[in-house]
Structure formats: C-alpha cells, structure tokens
C-alpha cells in the first residue's frame, strides 16, 4: 500500500511533534524525516505555502540533526492544514 501525501504529512507531523515533546530524536527518526521531506518537497501538486514550510524544515534538519527548535508547532499547524491535490 502506497502512502498518500496526507498520510506522509501526518507521519511527518507526528515525528516532529514527538521529537519536540521529548527533545530527543533517534537516528531512525532523523532518517525518516529526511526521506519524507525529500519525497514531499519534489511534489509540485502541494500548496506553495506547504512547500515553503517543508523547505524551512529541511534546511534546519540538514544544518543540525538534533531536535528542532520551537518552530515545530507552527510547522505542524501548516502541515496539518495540508491543501494537497491527490
């Protein structure tokens, strides 16, 4: 079964929220976040605001593989209100 964009975005939200709550990220979680960001960022059917948010997350993730800053709640809000056209 292939994951839809909505499922991928929800998984990304869950991973971001979890690491934000726990202030800890495993290597597996970091790799999964990286893979999700790569796949979603290449999808031109996503809303431009959503793509910009994904890019900001990806930039911070590439610079520092530790838990994200306090931007997570805003990112999750943007990702949760996804406007995909699947």
PDB file of N, CA and C in Angstrom:
ATOM      1  N   UNK A   1       0.852  -1.187   0.000  1.00  0.00           N
ATOM      2  CA  UNK A   1       0.000   0.000   0.000  1.00  0.00           C
ATOM      3  C   UNK A   1       0.891   1.242   0.000  1.00  0.00           C
ATOM      4  N   UNK A   2       0.615   2.125  -0.912  1.00  0.00           N
ATOM      5  CA  UNK A   2       1.355   3.371  -1.023  1.00  0.00           C
ATOM      6  C   UNK A   2       0.742   4.417  -0.104  1.00  0.00           C
ATOM      7  N   UNK A   3       1.610   5.195   0.532  1.00  0.00           N
ATOM      8  CA  UNK A   3       1.130   6.266   1.393  1.00  0.00           C
ATOM      9  C   UNK A   3       0.728   7.469   0.541  1.00  0.00           C
ATOM     10  N   UNK A   4      -0.411   8.045   0.848  1.00  0.00           N
ATOM     11  CA  UNK A   4      -0.840   9.271   0.167  1.00  0.00           C
ATOM     12  C   UNK A   4      -0.065  10.446   0.762  1.00  0.00           C
ATOM     13  N   UNK A   5      -0.140  11.586   0.093  1.00  0.00           N
ATOM     14  CA  UNK A   5       0.510  12.779   0.631  1.00  0.00           C
ATOM     15  C   UNK A   5      -0.036  13.129   2.013  1.00  0.00           C
ATOM     16  N   UNK A   6      -1.323  12.949   2.203  1.00  0.00           N
ATOM     17  CA  UNK A   6      -1.917  13.244   3.515  1.00  0.00           C
ATOM     18  C   UNK A   6      -1.316  12.363   4.596  1.00  0.00           C
ATOM     19  N   UNK A   7      -1.121  11.081   4.282  1.00  0.00           N
ATOM     20  CA  UNK A   7      -0.509  10.167   5.252  1.00  0.00           C
ATOM     21  C   UNK A   7       0.944  10.539   5.525  1.00  0.00           C
ATOM     22  N   UNK A   8       1.673  10.906   4.471  1.00  0.00           N
ATOM     23  CA  UNK A   8       3.074  11.310   4.638  1.00  0.00           C
ATOM     24  C   UNK A   8       3.172  12.560   5.502  1.00  0.00           C
ATOM     25  N   UNK A   9       2.288  13.524   5.250  1.00  0.00           N
ATOM     26  CA  UNK A   9       2.297  14.759   6.040  1.00  0.00           C
ATOM     27  C   UNK A   9       1.938  14.479   7.496  1.00  0.00           C
ATOM     28  N   UNK A  10       0.980  13.596   7.728  1.00  0.00           N
ATOM     29  CA  UNK A  10       0.600  13.254   9.094  1.00  0.00           C
ATOM     30  C   UNK A  10       1.752  12.556   9.813  1.00  0.00           C
ATOM     31  N   UNK A  11       2.428  11.659   9.110  1.00  0.00           N
ATOM     32  CA  UNK A  11       3.579  10.980   9.695  1.00  0.00           C
ATOM     33  C   UNK A  11       4.671  11.985  10.036  1.00  0.00           C
ATOM     34  N   UNK A  12       4.935  12.926   9.137  1.00  0.00           N
ATOM     35  CA  UNK A  12       5.919  13.961   9.396  1.00  0.00           C
ATOM     36  C   UNK A  12       5.518  14.794  10.612  1.00  0.00           C
ATOM     37  N   UNK A  13       4.246  15.167  10.688  1.00  0.00           N
ATOM     38  CA  UNK A  13       3.748  15.923  11.854  1.00  0.00           C
ATOM     39  C   UNK A  13       3.966  15.134  13.136  1.00  0.00           C
ATOM     40  N   UNK A  14       3.633  13.850  13.108  1.00  0.00           N
ATOM     41  CA  UNK A  14       3.791  13.009  14.299  1.00  0.00           C
ATOM     42  C   UNK A  14       5.247  12.935  14.731  1.00  0.00           C
ATOM     43  N   UNK A  15       6.154  12.751  13.773  1.00  0.00           N
ATOM     44  CA  UNK A  15       7.583  12.677  14.098  1.00  0.00           C
ATOM     45  C   UNK A  15       8.091  14.003  14.667  1.00  0.00           C
ATOM     46  N   UNK A  16       7.692  15.114  14.048  1.00  0.00           N
ATOM     47  CA  UNK A  16       8.129  16.424  14.529  1.00  0.00           C
ATOM     48  C   UNK A  16       7.588  16.713  15.925  1.00  0.00           C
ATOM     49  N   UNK A  17       6.297  16.422  16.133  1.00  0.00           N
ATOM     50  CA  UNK A  17       5.689  16.689  17.436  1.00  0.00           C
ATOM     51  C   UNK A  17       6.318  15.819  18.519  1.00  0.00           C
ATOM     52  N   UNK A  18       6.574  14.562  18.197  1.00  0.00           N
ATOM     53  CA  UNK A  18       7.173  13.644  19.154  1.00  0.00           C
ATOM     54  C   UNK A  18       8.567  14.114  19.585  1.00  0.00           C
ATOM     55  N   UNK A  19       9.391  14.475  18.624  1.00  0.00           N
ATOM     56  CA  UNK A  19      10.731  14.911  18.996  1.00  0.00           C
ATOM     57  C   UNK A  19      10.699  16.247  19.722  1.00  0.00           C
ATOM     58  N   UNK A  20       9.721  17.082  19.410  1.00  0.00           N
ATOM     59  CA  UNK A  20       9.584  18.355  20.103  1.00  0.00           C
ATOM     60  C   UNK A  20       9.180  18.136  21.559  1.00  0.00           C
ATOM     61  N   UNK A  21       8.244  17.222  21.761  1.00  0.00           N
ATOM     62  CA  UNK A  21       7.784  16.916  23.117  1.00  0.00           C
ATOM     63  C   UNK A  21       8.889  16.280  23.960  1.00  0.00           C
ATOM     64  N   UNK A  22       9.634  15.364  23.357  1.00  0.00           N
ATOM     65  CA  UNK A  22      10.642  14.611  24.091  1.00  0.00           C
ATOM     66  C   UNK A  22      12.030  15.246  24.038  1.00  0.00           C
ATOM     67  N   UNK A  23      12.227  16.232  23.166  1.00  0.00           N
ATOM     68  CA  UNK A  23      13.528  16.862  22.957  1.00  0.00           C
ATOM     69  C   UNK A  23      14.608  15.826  22.667  1.00  0.00           C
ATOM     70  N   UNK A  24      14.233  14.828  21.877  1.00  0.00           N
ATOM     71  CA  UNK A  24      15.139  13.745  21.516  1.00  0.00           C
ATOM     72  C   UNK A  24      14.705  13.185  20.177  1.00  0.00           C
ATOM     73  N   UNK A  25      15.695  12.822  19.346  1.00  0.00           N
ATOM     74  CA  UNK A  25      15.395  12.241  18.046  1.00  0.00           C
ATOM     75  C   UNK A  25      16.390  11.114  17.792  1.00  0.00           C
ATOM     76  N   UNK A  26      15.891   9.929  17.484  1.00  0.00           N
ATOM     77  CA  UNK A  26      16.772   8.814  17.157  1.00  0.00           C
ATOM     78  C   UNK A  26      17.303   8.991  15.733  1.00  0.00           C
ATOM     79  N   UNK A  27      18.348   8.237  15.403  1.00  0.00           N
ATOM     80  CA  UNK A  27      18.872   8.279  14.039  1.00  0.00           C
ATOM     81  C   UNK A  27      17.810   7.821  13.043  1.00  0.00           C
ATOM     82  N   UNK A  28      17.037   6.805  13.415  1.00  0.00           N
ATOM     83  CA  UNK A  28      15.967   6.314  12.544  1.00  0.00           C
ATOM     84  C   UNK A  28      14.921   7.377  12.281  1.00  0.00           C
ATOM     85  N   UNK A  29      14.542   8.114  13.322  1.00  0.00           N
ATOM     86  CA  UNK A  29      13.560   9.198  13.151  1.00  0.00           C
ATOM     87  C   UNK A  29      14.130  10.291  12.262  1.00  0.00           C
ATOM     88  N   UNK A  30      15.398  10.622  12.459  1.00  0.00           N
ATOM     89  CA  UNK A  30      16.042  11.656  11.638  1.00  0.00           C
ATOM     90  C   UNK A  30      16.063  11.234  10.168  1.00  0.00           C
ATOM     91  N   UNK A  31      16.382   9.967   9.899  1.00  0.00           N
ATOM     92  CA  UNK A  31      16.404   9.475   8.519  1.00  0.00           C
ATOM     93  C   UNK A  31      15.003   9.454   7.924  1.00  0.00           C
ATOM     94  N   UNK A  32      14.011   9.083   8.723  1.00  0.00           N
ATOM     95  CA  UNK A  32      12.635   9.057   8.221  1.00  0.00           C
ATOM     96  C   UNK A  32      12.153  10.471   7.903  1.00  0.00           C
ATOM     97  N   UNK A  33      12.466  11.420   8.763  1.00  0.00           N
ATOM     98  CA  UNK A  33      12.112  12.820   8.494  1.00  0.00           C
ATOM     99  C   UNK A  33      12.775  13.271   7.201  1.00  0.00           C
ATOM    100  N   UNK A  34      14.039  12.944   7.034  1.00  0.00           N
ATOM    101  CA  UNK A  34      14.774  13.319   5.833  1.00  0.00           C
ATOM    102  C   UNK A  34      14.119  12.739   4.580  1.00  0.00           C
ATOM    103  N   UNK A  35      13.770  11.464   4.613  1.00  0.00           N
ATOM    104  CA  UNK A  35      13.131  10.819   3.453  1.00  0.00           C
ATOM    105  C   UNK A  35      11.773  11.453   3.143  1.00  0.00           C
ATOM    106  N   UNK A  36      10.977  11.695   4.178  1.00  0.00           N
ATOM    107  CA  UNK A  36       9.667  12.322   3.965  1.00  0.00           C
ATOM    108  C   UNK A  36       9.817  13.713   3.362  1.00  0.00           C
ATOM    109  N   UNK A  37      10.754  14.492   3.878  1.00  0.00           N
ATOM    110  CA  UNK A  37      10.979  15.836   3.353  1.00  0.00           C
ATOM    111  C   UNK A  37      11.410  15.795   1.895  1.00  0.00           C
ATOM    112  N   UNK A  38      12.281  14.865   1.543  1.00  0.00           N
ATOM    113  CA  UNK A  38      12.738  14.753   0.157  1.00  0.00           C
ATOM    114  C   UNK A  38      11.589  14.414  -0.786  1.00  0.00           C
ATOM    115  N   UNK A  39      10.796  13.420  -0.403  1.00  0.00           N
ATOM    116  CA  UNK A  39       9.690  12.982  -1.258  1.00  0.00           C
ATOM    117  C   UNK A  39       8.640  14.080  -1.394  1.00  0.00           C
ATOM    118  N   UNK A  40       8.235  14.660  -0.284  1.00  0.00           N
ATOM    119  CA  UNK A  40       7.184  15.676  -0.320  1.00  0.00           C
ATOM    120  C   UNK A  40       7.640  16.944  -1.042  1.00  0.00           C
ATOM    121  N   UNK A  41       8.900  17.321  -0.874  1.00  0.00           N
ATOM    122  CA  UNK A  41       9.411  18.549  -1.493  1.00  0.00           C
ATOM    123  C   UNK A  41       9.434  18.476  -3.012  1.00  0.00           C
ATOM    124  N   UNK A  42       9.485  17.276  -3.554  1.00  0.00           N
ATOM    125  CA  UNK A  42       9.502  17.108  -5.015  1.00  0.00           C
ATOM    126  C   UNK A  42       8.103  17.108  -5.626  1.00  0.00           C
ATOM    127  N   UNK A  43       7.079  17.116  -4.802  1.00  0.00           N
ATOM    128  CA  UNK A  43       5.700  17.040  -5.296  1.00  0.00           C
ATOM    129  C   UNK A  43       5.173  18.437  -5.595  1.00  0.00           C
ATOM    130  N   UNK A  44       5.085  18.755  -6.870  1.00  0.00           N
ATOM    131  CA  UNK A  44       4.650  20.093  -7.283  1.00  0.00           C
ATOM    132  C   UNK A  44       3.152  20.319  -7.117  1.00  0.00           C
ATOM    133  N   UNK A  45       2.400  19.269  -6.769  1.00  0.00           N
ATOM    134  CA  UNK A  45       0.964  19.446  -6.570  1.00  0.00           C
ATOM    135  C   UNK A  45       0.640  20.009  -5.181  1.00  0.00           C
ATOM    136  N   UNK A  46       1.648  20.094  -4.320  1.00  0.00           N
ATOM    137  CA  UNK A  46       1.412  20.617  -2.972  1.00  0.00           C
ATOM    138  C   UNK A  46       1.283  22.133  -3.000  1.00  0.00           C
ATOM    139  N   UNK A  47       0.544  22.652  -2.070  1.00  0.00           N
ATOM    140  CA  UNK A  47       0.358  24.089  -1.910  1.00  0.00           C
ATOM    141  C   UNK A  47       1.725  24.767  -1.732  1.00  0.00           C
ATOM    142  N   UNK A  48       1.951  25.927  -2.373  1.00  0.00           N
ATOM    143  CA  UNK A  48       3.242  26.616  -2.261  1.00  0.00           C
ATOM    144  C   UNK A  48       3.641  26.946  -0.814  1.00  0.00           C
ATOM    145  N   UNK A  49       2.676  27.296   0.019  1.00  0.00           N
ATOM    146  CA  UNK A  49       2.979  27.582   1.422  1.00  0.00           C
ATOM    147  C   UNK A  49       3.491  26.329   2.120  1.00  0.00           C
ATOM    148  N   UNK A  50       2.893  25.227   1.811  1.00  0.00           N
ATOM    149  CA  UNK A  50       3.312  23.949   2.365  1.00  0.00           C
ATOM    150  C   UNK A  50       4.726  23.604   1.900  1.00  0.00           C
ATOM    151  N   UNK A  51       5.003  23.828   0.620  1.00  0.00           N
ATOM    152  CA  UNK A  51       6.344  23.567   0.095  1.00  0.00           C
ATOM    153  C   UNK A  51       7.393  24.457   0.764  1.00  0.00           C
ATOM    154  N   UNK A  52       7.051  25.707   1.033  1.00  0.00           N
ATOM    155  CA  UNK A  52       7.972  26.614   1.731  1.00  0.00           C
ATOM    156  C   UNK A  52       8.244  26.117   3.151  1.00  0.00           C
ATOM    157  N   UNK A  53       7.218  25.643   3.817  1.00  0.00           N
ATOM    158  CA  UNK A  53       7.385  25.103   5.165  1.00  0.00           C
ATOM    159  C   UNK A  53       8.281  23.879   5.134  1.00  0.00           C
ATOM    160  N   UNK A  54       8.052  22.994   4.171  1.00  0.00           N
ATOM    161  CA  UNK A  54       8.898  21.804   4.036  1.00  0.00           C
ATOM    162  C   UNK A  54      10.350  22.198   3.795  1.00  0.00           C
ATOM    163  N   UNK A  55      10.558  23.235   2.997  1.00  0.00           N
ATOM    164  CA  UNK A  55      11.913  23.700   2.725  1.00  0.00           C
ATOM    165  C   UNK A  55      12.576  24.241   3.997  1.00  0.00           C
ATOM    166  N   UNK A  56      11.840  24.993   4.808  1.00  0.00           N
ATOM    167  CA  UNK A  56      12.402  25.513   6.061  1.00  0.00           C
ATOM    168  C   UNK A  56      12.766  24.381   7.014  1.00  0.00           C
ATOM    169  N   UNK A  57      11.891  23.378   7.088  1.00  0.00           N
ATOM    170  CA  UNK A  57      12.179  22.221   7.945  1.00  0.00           C
ATOM    171  C   UNK A  57      13.427  21.512   7.426  1.00  0.00           C
ATOM    172  N   UNK A  58      13.493  21.318   6.123  1.00  0.00           N
ATOM    173  CA  UNK A  58      14.620  20.609   5.526  1.00  0.00           C
ATOM    174  C   UNK A  58      15.930  21.367   5.751  1.00  0.00           C
ATOM    175  N   UNK A  59      15.913  22.688   5.611  1.00  0.00           N
ATOM    176  CA  UNK A  59      17.114  23.488   5.834  1.00  0.00           C
ATOM    177  C   UNK A  59      17.605  23.334   7.270  1.00  0.00           C
ATOM    178  N   UNK A  60      16.704  23.425   8.220  1.00  0.00           N
ATOM    179  CA  UNK A  60      17.106  23.294   9.617  1.00  0.00           C
ATOM    180  C   UNK A  60      17.579  21.866   9.907  1.00  0.00           C
ATOM    181  N   UNK A  61      16.920  20.886   9.315  1.00  0.00           N
ATOM    182  CA  UNK A  61      17.262  19.485   9.546  1.00  0.00           C
ATOM    183  C   UNK A  61      18.651  19.175   8.983  1.00  0.00           C
ATOM    184  N   UNK A  62      18.987  19.736   7.826  1.00  0.00           N
ATOM    185  CA  UNK A  62      20.289  19.493   7.214  1.00  0.00           C
ATOM    186  C   UNK A  62      21.401  20.177   7.988  1.00  0.00           C
ATOM    187  N   UNK A  63      21.102  21.313   8.578  1.00  0.00           N
ATOM    188  CA  UNK A  63      22.114  22.041   9.334  1.00  0.00           C
ATOM    189  C   UNK A  63      22.407  21.389  10.674  1.00  0.00           C
ATOM    190  N   UNK A  64      21.401  20.795  11.246  1.00  0.00           N
ATOM    191  CA  UNK A  64      21.542  20.290  12.603  1.00  0.00           C
ATOM    192  C   UNK A  64      20.615  19.106  12.792  1.00  0.00           C
ATOM    193  N   UNK A  65      21.154  17.921  12.931  1.00  0.00           N
ATOM    194  CA  UNK A  65      20.345  16.706  13.018  1.00  0.00           C
ATOM    195  C   UNK A  65      19.808  16.466  14.425  1.00  0.00           C
ATOM    196  N   UNK A  66      19.859  17.468  15.264  1.00  0.00           N
ATOM    197  CA  UNK A  66      19.303  17.354  16.611  1.00  0.00           C
ATOM    198  C   UNK A  66      17.839  17.779  16.582  1.00  0.00           C
ATOM    199  N   UNK A  67      17.127  17.601  17.699  1.00  0.00           N
ATOM    200  CA  UNK A  67      15.720  18.024  17.737  1.00  0.00           C
ATOM    201  C   UNK A  67      15.549  19.476  17.289  1.00  0.00           C
ATOM    202  N   UNK A  68      14.436  19.725  16.670  1.00  0.00           N
ATOM    203  CA  UNK A  68      14.161  21.038  16.102  1.00  0.00           C
ATOM    204  C   UNK A  68      13.862  22.074  17.179  1.00  0.00           C
ATOM    205  N   UNK A  69      13.878  23.315  16.751  1.00  0.00           N
ATOM    206  CA  UNK A  69      13.617  24.437  17.650  1.00  0.00           C
ATOM    207  C   UNK A  69      12.122  24.574  17.929  1.00  0.00           C
ATOM    208  N   UNK A  70      11.766  25.686  18.508  1.00  0.00           N
ATOM    209  CA  UNK A  70      10.371  25.935  18.868  1.00  0.00           C
ATOM    210  C   UNK A  70       9.477  26.237  17.665  1.00  0.00           C
ATOM    211  N   UNK A  71      10.007  26.142  16.453  1.00  0.00           N
ATOM    212  CA  UNK A  71       9.216  26.356  15.238  1.00  0.00           C
ATOM    213  C   UNK A  71       8.258  25.208  14.958  1.00  0.00           C
ATOM    214  N   UNK A  72       8.416  24.095  15.674  1.00  0.00           N
ATOM    215  CA  UNK A  72       7.668  22.875  15.370  1.00  0.00           C
ATOM    216  C   UNK A  72       6.162  23.092  15.414  1.00  0.00           C
ATOM    217  N   UNK A  73       5.646  23.796  16.388  1.00  0.00           N
ATOM    218  CA  UNK A  73       4.187  23.951  16.490  1.00  0.00           C
ATOM    219  C   UNK A  73       3.621  24.686  15.274  1.00  0.00           C
ATOM    220  N   UNK A  74       4.312  25.688  14.782  1.00  0.00           N
ATOM    221  CA  UNK A  74       3.866  26.389  13.576  1.00  0.00           C
ATOM    222  C   UNK A  74       3.943  25.509  12.346  1.00  0.00           C
ATOM    223  N   UNK A  75       5.023  24.728  12.259  1.00  0.00           N
ATOM    224  CA  UNK A  75       5.162  23.810  11.135  1.00  0.00           C
ATOM    225  C   UNK A  75       4.039  22.783  11.147  1.00  0.00           C
ATOM    226  N   UNK A  76       3.773  22.208  12.313  1.00  0.00           N
ATOM    227  CA  UNK A  76       2.734  21.180  12.418  1.00  0.00           C
ATOM    228  C   UNK A  76       1.377  21.763  12.024  1.00  0.00           C
ATOM    229  N   UNK A  77       1.113  22.993  12.433  1.00  0.00           N
ATOM    230  CA  UNK A  77      -0.154  23.635  12.078  1.00  0.00           C
ATOM    231  C   UNK A  77      -0.266  23.785  10.561  1.00  0.00           C
ATOM    232  N   UNK A  78       0.809  24.217   9.914  1.00  0.00           N
ATOM    233  CA  UNK A  78       0.800  24.383   8.463  1.00  0.00           C
ATOM    234  C   UNK A  78       0.658  23.042   7.760  1.00  0.00           C
ATOM    235  N   UNK A  79       1.409  22.042   8.227  1.00  0.00           N
ATOM    236  CA  UNK A  79       1.362  20.724   7.599  1.00  0.00           C
ATOM    237  C   UNK A  79       0.013  20.047   7.817  1.00  0.00           C
ATOM    238  N   UNK A  80      -0.602  20.269   8.962  1.00  0.00           N
ATOM    239  CA  UNK A  80      -1.880  19.656   9.275  1.00  0.00           C
ATOM    240  C   UNK A  80      -3.017  20.216   8.434  1.00  0.00           C
ATOM    241  N   UNK A  81      -2.868  21.448   8.003  1.00  0.00           N
ATOM    242  CA  UNK A  81      -3.909  22.063   7.176  1.00  0.00           C
ATOM    243  C   UNK A  81      -3.549  21.903   5.704  1.00  0.00           C
ATOM    244  N   UNK A  82      -2.983  20.714   5.381  1.00  0.00           N
ATOM    245  CA  UNK A  82      -2.474  20.482   4.028  1.00  0.00           C
ATOM    246  C   UNK A  82      -3.566  20.688   2.988  1.00  0.00           C
ATOM    247  N   UNK A  83      -3.134  21.244   1.877  1.00  0.00           N
ATOM    248  CA  UNK A  83      -4.037  21.517   0.750  1.00  0.00           C
ATOM    249  C   UNK A  83      -3.559  20.730  -0.463  1.00  0.00           C
ATOM    250  N   UNK A  84      -3.391  19.429  -0.306  1.00  0.00           N
ATOM    251  CA  UNK A  84      -2.888  18.610  -1.407  1.00  0.00           C
ATOM    252  C   UNK A  84      -3.985  18.340  -2.425  1.00  0.00           C
ATOM    253  N   UNK A  85      -3.529  18.077  -3.609  1.00  0.00           N
ATOM    254  CA  UNK A  85      -4.460  17.666  -4.669  1.00  0.00           C
ATOM    255  C   UNK A  85      -4.056  16.274  -5.107  1.00  0.00           C
ATOM    256  N   UNK A  86      -4.608  15.283  -4.431  1.00  0.00           N
ATOM    257  CA  UNK A  86      -4.245  13.897  -4.738  1.00  0.00           C
ATOM    258  C   UNK A  86      -5.275  13.285  -5.644  1.00  0.00           C
TER     259      UNK A  86
END
